[in-house]
Structures are given as C-alpha cells and as structure tokens.
C-alpha cells in the first residue's frame, strides 16, 4: 500500500489564507502563528504536539440572521400588541360609564340599562366607543396577534434552518483544514547535518556526565570498602571509557 503524502506547503498556505479570509479570521493568533511556522518550517516539533482541531477557531454561520432578526421584531410587536385589546376595552368602558352617568341624570325616567346604553349610545356616547365597534376592533387586533405569532415562528424556523445548514458546511471545511494541518506536521521531514551533529553532541555530553557519575561512585566505593578484583576491573573500564568519550566529544566540538 502506498503511503499517503502530506499536502504541499504552498497549497496548505493558500488554503489557510483563503479560509481565514472567507471567515474573517485574519487576526486569529493560532492561524497567524501556525501559518508562519509552516511558511518558515520552524518549531515543527512544537506545532506537531498541538491538536489543530482544539486550537482552530470555529466560525459562526451568518446566513439566516435576517430572518431571525425579523422573527424577533415580530415577536416583540406581538408581545406588546397582546395588551392592546384590554386597554381599548377598558377605555371604552370608562367612556361609556361617564356618558351613561350623564344620560341617567338627564333622563332619570328612561328604563335603559348600561349594556343597552353602551350599545346604542343615545347621542351621548361617541360611536367609536360603542360595544359593537370596540368588540370588532378587539377581534381584528387578536387576528393580528395570531398572524404575528405564526409569521414570527415561521421566520425563526427558516432562519435557524439556513444557519444550521451553513454551520454544517463551515464545520466540514474547518475539519478538512484541521486534518491537513495535522497531516502536514505529522509527516516525517528530512533531518539536516547540523541537526544531527547537535543531537549527537548533546547525547555525548549526557553520556559523559553519566560516566563521570559512575566513576565518582566507584571511587567512593573503593575508599570505603576493600575492592574485589572484579570491581577494580569495572572501575578501570569505566575510567578508560570516560577518557575515550571525552576525546570523541572534543573532536565533535571542533
């Protein structure tokens, strides 16, 4: 089976630039830093240790926002309008009560009750405050409230549906970018001669320190107890190895 190759540097840089520009993420710290690292091939070990899926920003969908805003405005108007029929009815009752008092004071002998007066007015009550007109007005206001409820719910669902579809697309694009970054940093790269020399020198220094510690421990043991021939032979070998290692390290530094 052929090994999968990482995405080329130029293509990955181009995709990162397009994706960040498309989603308005040019100033994101992670994107800016990882783009620079890919461009300069620096700190590869550090960036390969980070999970792009956790550090990449997650853009939010903007489509459907118009429908959602419109639905919210409709809901606000509906919530306010709910109290309008109550207010109009109580205002009509107030007007009818006042005019009925005037009517009864002028026509004390007339056998008219309040509801009958509210319906007919008898020339005292303005027609717009009569019970029939007020009831009809309240009816149309309630119809308007029902319509606003239906439209606001419909627009809200439409807006959310559009936003969810766009968010799914954005998340898929983000996942692809994340996998491409992870693949790029996880692909083995060629090691330079300078890097090998530095690593070898560091390993030799560590080994030298270890042999020094062993030699010191052997010397302390010799001074505290009588050494057996086998232990003397081991110390001689350690001392000899330490000297040879020091010579190799000296040549490496030169």
Protein backbone atom coordinates (compact mmCIF):
# COMPACT_ATOMS: atom_id res chain seq x y z
CA UNK A 1 0.00 0.00 0.00
CA UNK A 2 1.40 3.40 -0.97
CA UNK A 3 1.97 5.83 1.86
CA UNK A 4 -0.22 8.93 1.88
CA UNK A 5 1.65 12.15 1.37
CA UNK A 6 1.07 15.37 3.26
CA UNK A 7 -0.41 18.31 1.43
CA UNK A 8 2.31 20.50 -0.17
CA UNK A 9 3.31 23.59 1.78
CA UNK A 10 2.21 26.12 -0.86
CA UNK A 11 -1.22 24.56 -1.24
CA UNK A 12 -1.75 24.39 2.53
CA UNK A 13 -0.69 28.02 2.97
CA UNK A 14 -3.06 29.05 0.18
CA UNK A 15 -5.96 27.17 1.76
CA UNK A 16 -5.27 28.62 5.18
CA UNK A 17 -5.20 32.13 3.72
CA UNK A 18 -8.45 31.63 1.78
CA UNK A 19 -10.24 30.01 4.73
CA UNK A 20 -9.18 32.71 7.20
CA UNK A 21 -10.16 35.50 4.77
CA UNK A 22 -13.51 33.87 3.99
CA UNK A 23 -14.42 33.66 7.67
CA UNK A 24 -12.80 36.93 8.82
CA UNK A 25 -10.11 35.23 10.90
CA UNK A 26 -7.02 37.05 9.63
CA UNK A 27 -6.19 38.28 13.13
CA UNK A 28 -6.62 34.95 14.88
CA UNK A 29 -3.43 34.19 16.91
CA UNK A 30 -3.35 30.46 16.21
CA UNK A 31 -3.89 30.81 12.47
CA UNK A 32 -1.30 33.57 12.19
CA UNK A 33 1.29 31.61 14.19
CA UNK A 34 0.74 28.27 12.50
CA UNK A 35 0.87 29.91 9.06
CA UNK A 36 4.22 31.49 9.93
CA UNK A 37 5.53 28.19 11.26
CA UNK A 38 4.56 26.36 8.05
CA UNK A 39 5.99 29.13 5.90
CA UNK A 40 9.36 29.17 7.71
CA UNK A 41 9.39 25.47 8.71
CA UNK A 42 10.24 26.47 12.27
CA UNK A 43 9.26 24.91 15.62
CA UNK A 44 7.83 21.88 13.84
CA UNK A 45 8.02 19.67 16.94
CA UNK A 46 6.07 22.21 18.98
CA UNK A 47 3.28 22.65 16.44
CA UNK A 48 3.01 18.91 15.80
CA UNK A 49 2.31 18.44 19.52
CA UNK A 50 -0.77 20.71 19.35
CA UNK A 51 -4.16 19.43 18.21
CA UNK A 52 -5.41 21.69 15.38
CA UNK A 53 -9.00 20.59 15.99
CA UNK A 54 -8.85 22.07 19.50
CA UNK A 55 -6.98 25.26 18.60
CA UNK A 56 -8.55 26.25 15.29
CA UNK A 57 -11.23 28.95 15.70
CA UNK A 58 -14.81 27.90 14.95
CA UNK A 59 -16.50 30.43 12.67
CA UNK A 60 -20.21 31.01 13.19
CA UNK A 61 -22.79 30.99 10.41
CA UNK A 62 -24.20 34.37 9.39
CA UNK A 63 -26.83 33.24 6.89
CA UNK A 64 -30.38 33.28 8.18
CA UNK A 65 -29.67 36.17 10.55
CA UNK A 66 -32.09 38.44 8.63
CA UNK A 67 -34.97 36.01 9.10
CA UNK A 68 -34.10 35.50 12.77
CA UNK A 69 -33.97 39.26 13.42
CA UNK A 70 -37.27 39.78 11.63
CA UNK A 71 -38.84 37.00 13.71
CA UNK A 72 -37.61 38.62 16.92
CA UNK A 73 -39.02 42.02 15.92
CA UNK A 74 -42.37 40.40 15.13
CA UNK A 75 -42.34 38.67 18.50
CA UNK A 76 -41.70 41.99 20.27
CA UNK A 77 -44.59 43.68 18.41
CA UNK A 78 -46.84 40.72 19.20
CA UNK A 79 -45.97 40.79 22.89
CA UNK A 80 -46.85 44.47 23.10
CA UNK A 81 -49.99 44.13 20.99
CA UNK A 82 -51.39 41.46 23.31
CA UNK A 83 -52.27 44.16 25.83
CA UNK A 84 -53.90 46.46 23.26
CA UNK A 85 -57.42 44.87 23.26
CA UNK A 86 -57.53 45.01 27.05
CA UNK A 87 -56.52 48.67 27.05
CA UNK A 88 -59.06 49.62 24.37
CA UNK A 89 -61.87 47.73 26.11
CA UNK A 90 -61.21 49.38 29.46
CA UNK A 91 -61.03 52.79 27.81
CA UNK A 92 -64.39 52.14 26.13
CA UNK A 93 -65.90 51.07 29.48
CA UNK A 94 -64.60 54.27 31.05
CA UNK A 95 -66.12 56.43 28.31
CA UNK A 96 -69.41 54.53 28.39
CA UNK A 97 -69.65 54.79 32.18
CA UNK A 98 -69.09 58.54 32.10
CA UNK A 99 -71.65 59.12 29.35
CA UNK A 100 -74.15 56.78 30.99
CA UNK A 101 -73.99 58.84 34.16
CA UNK A 102 -74.75 61.96 32.11
CA UNK A 103 -77.59 60.16 30.33
CA UNK A 104 -79.25 58.95 33.53
CA UNK A 105 -79.01 62.38 35.13
CA UNK A 106 -80.82 63.89 32.18
CA UNK A 107 -83.23 61.02 31.56
CA UNK A 108 -83.92 59.62 35.01
CA UNK A 109 -87.23 58.12 33.98
CA UNK A 110 -85.85 56.25 30.94
CA UNK A 111 -85.77 52.46 31.56
CA UNK A 112 -82.31 51.89 29.97
CA UNK A 113 -79.60 49.64 31.43
CA UNK A 114 -75.86 50.14 30.99
CA UNK A 115 -75.30 47.49 28.28
CA UNK A 116 -78.15 48.85 26.20
CA UNK A 117 -76.75 52.36 26.53
CA UNK A 118 -73.23 51.12 25.63
CA UNK A 119 -74.63 49.52 22.51
CA UNK A 120 -76.81 52.41 21.28
CA UNK A 121 -75.20 55.50 22.78
CA UNK A 122 -78.41 57.53 22.54
CA UNK A 123 -76.48 60.50 21.23
CA UNK A 124 -74.26 60.74 24.33
CA UNK A 125 -71.58 58.13 23.56
CA UNK A 126 -69.20 58.51 20.62
CA UNK A 127 -69.84 55.68 18.11
CA UNK A 128 -66.19 54.54 18.26
CA UNK A 129 -66.65 53.62 21.94
CA UNK A 130 -69.82 51.62 21.46
CA UNK A 131 -69.55 47.98 22.50
CA UNK A 132 -70.08 46.60 18.98
CA UNK A 133 -67.31 48.72 17.45
CA UNK A 134 -64.92 48.04 20.33
CA UNK A 135 -65.56 44.29 20.08
CA UNK A 136 -64.89 44.30 16.34
CA UNK A 137 -61.67 46.27 16.81
CA UNK A 138 -60.53 43.84 19.51
CA UNK A 139 -61.28 40.94 17.16
CA UNK A 140 -59.04 42.28 14.38
CA UNK A 141 -56.28 43.03 16.86
CA UNK A 142 -56.42 39.42 18.08
CA UNK A 143 -56.26 38.24 14.44
CA UNK A 144 -53.16 40.41 14.01
CA UNK A 145 -51.60 38.85 17.12
CA UNK A 146 -52.25 35.36 15.76
CA UNK A 147 -50.74 36.30 12.40
CA UNK A 148 -47.65 37.80 14.06
CA UNK A 149 -47.24 34.62 16.11
CA UNK A 150 -47.42 32.42 13.00
CA UNK A 151 -45.07 34.60 10.95
CA UNK A 152 -42.52 35.08 13.73
CA UNK A 153 -42.37 31.32 14.37
CA UNK A 154 -42.09 30.57 10.65
CA UNK A 155 -39.31 33.11 10.04
CA UNK A 156 -37.44 31.92 13.13
CA UNK A 157 -37.51 28.31 11.96
CA UNK A 158 -36.45 29.29 8.44
CA UNK A 159 -33.56 31.38 9.75
CA UNK A 160 -32.38 28.64 12.07
CA UNK A 161 -32.58 26.04 9.30
CA UNK A 162 -30.48 28.20 6.97
CA UNK A 163 -27.97 28.89 9.74
CA UNK A 164 -27.67 25.19 10.65
CA UNK A 165 -27.00 24.22 7.03
CA UNK A 166 -24.32 26.87 6.65
CA UNK A 167 -22.80 25.93 10.01
CA UNK A 168 -22.55 22.30 8.89
CA UNK A 169 -20.64 23.40 5.77
CA UNK A 170 -18.35 25.65 7.85
CA UNK A 171 -17.65 22.82 10.30
CA UNK A 172 -16.77 20.44 7.45
CA UNK A 173 -14.36 22.97 5.96
CA UNK A 174 -12.82 23.51 9.38
CA UNK A 175 -12.38 19.77 9.86
CA UNK A 176 -10.62 19.45 6.50
CA UNK A 177 -8.26 22.31 7.39
CA UNK A 178 -7.58 20.71 10.78
CA UNK A 179 -6.74 17.34 9.23
CA UNK A 180 -4.48 18.94 6.62
CA UNK A 181 -2.54 20.84 9.29
CA UNK A 182 -2.24 17.70 11.41
CA UNK A 183 -1.10 15.67 8.40
CA UNK A 184 1.48 18.28 7.45
CA UNK A 185 3.10 18.42 10.88
CA UNK A 186 2.95 14.67 11.47
CA UNK A 187 4.79 13.81 8.22
CA UNK A 188 8.46 12.94 8.85
CA UNK A 189 10.84 15.52 7.42
CA UNK A 190 14.47 15.23 6.34
CA UNK A 191 16.97 15.92 9.11
CA UNK A 192 19.83 18.35 8.38
CA UNK A 193 23.51 17.56 9.11
CA UNK A 194 23.58 20.43 11.57
CA UNK A 195 20.63 18.96 13.48
CA UNK A 196 22.28 15.54 13.59
CA UNK A 197 25.56 16.99 14.85
CA UNK A 198 23.79 18.96 17.55
CA UNK A 199 21.80 15.93 18.68
CA UNK A 200 24.91 13.73 18.69
CA UNK A 201 26.89 16.30 20.68
CA UNK A 202 24.08 16.57 23.21
CA UNK A 203 23.90 12.77 23.57
CA UNK A 204 27.66 12.55 24.05
CA UNK A 205 27.58 15.25 26.71
CA UNK A 206 24.84 13.39 28.56
CA UNK A 207 26.78 10.13 28.29
CA UNK A 208 29.92 11.84 29.56
CA UNK A 209 28.06 13.14 32.59
CA UNK A 210 26.75 9.64 33.29
CA UNK A 211 30.22 8.07 33.11
CA UNK A 212 31.59 10.76 35.40
CA UNK A 213 28.91 9.90 37.95
CA UNK A 214 29.73 6.20 37.66
CA UNK A 215 33.46 6.84 38.07
CA UNK A 216 32.83 9.02 41.11
CA UNK A 217 30.62 6.36 42.69
CA UNK A 218 33.28 3.71 42.08
CA UNK A 219 35.96 5.91 43.66
CA UNK A 220 33.79 6.47 46.73
CA UNK A 221 33.16 2.77 46.99
CA UNK A 222 36.90 1.99 46.75
CA UNK A 223 37.69 4.43 49.54
CA UNK A 224 35.04 2.97 51.83
CA UNK A 225 35.45 -0.78 51.33
CA UNK A 226 38.11 -3.13 50.15
CA UNK A 227 37.56 -3.67 46.46
CA UNK A 228 37.28 -7.04 44.88
CA UNK A 229 39.30 -7.73 41.71
CA UNK A 230 36.09 -7.69 39.62
CA UNK A 231 35.14 -4.23 40.94
CA UNK A 232 38.65 -2.91 40.25
CA UNK A 233 38.37 -4.16 36.69
CA UNK A 234 34.97 -2.46 36.25
CA UNK A 235 36.32 0.84 37.54
CA UNK A 236 39.28 0.65 35.18
CA UNK A 237 36.94 0.03 32.23
CA UNK A 238 34.68 2.94 33.23
CA UNK A 239 37.64 5.30 33.60
CA UNK A 240 39.04 4.23 30.23
CA UNK A 241 35.65 4.64 28.56
CA UNK A 242 35.25 8.08 30.11
CA UNK A 243 38.60 9.19 28.68
CA UNK A 244 37.77 7.89 25.20
CA UNK A 245 34.34 9.55 25.31
CA UNK A 246 35.94 12.86 26.31
CA UNK A 247 38.22 12.63 23.29
CA UNK A 248 35.28 11.94 20.96
CA UNK A 249 33.32 14.87 22.40
CA UNK A 250 36.33 17.16 21.91
CA UNK A 251 36.59 16.16 18.25
CA UNK A 252 32.85 16.69 17.77
CA UNK A 253 33.03 20.22 19.13
CA UNK A 254 35.92 21.02 16.78
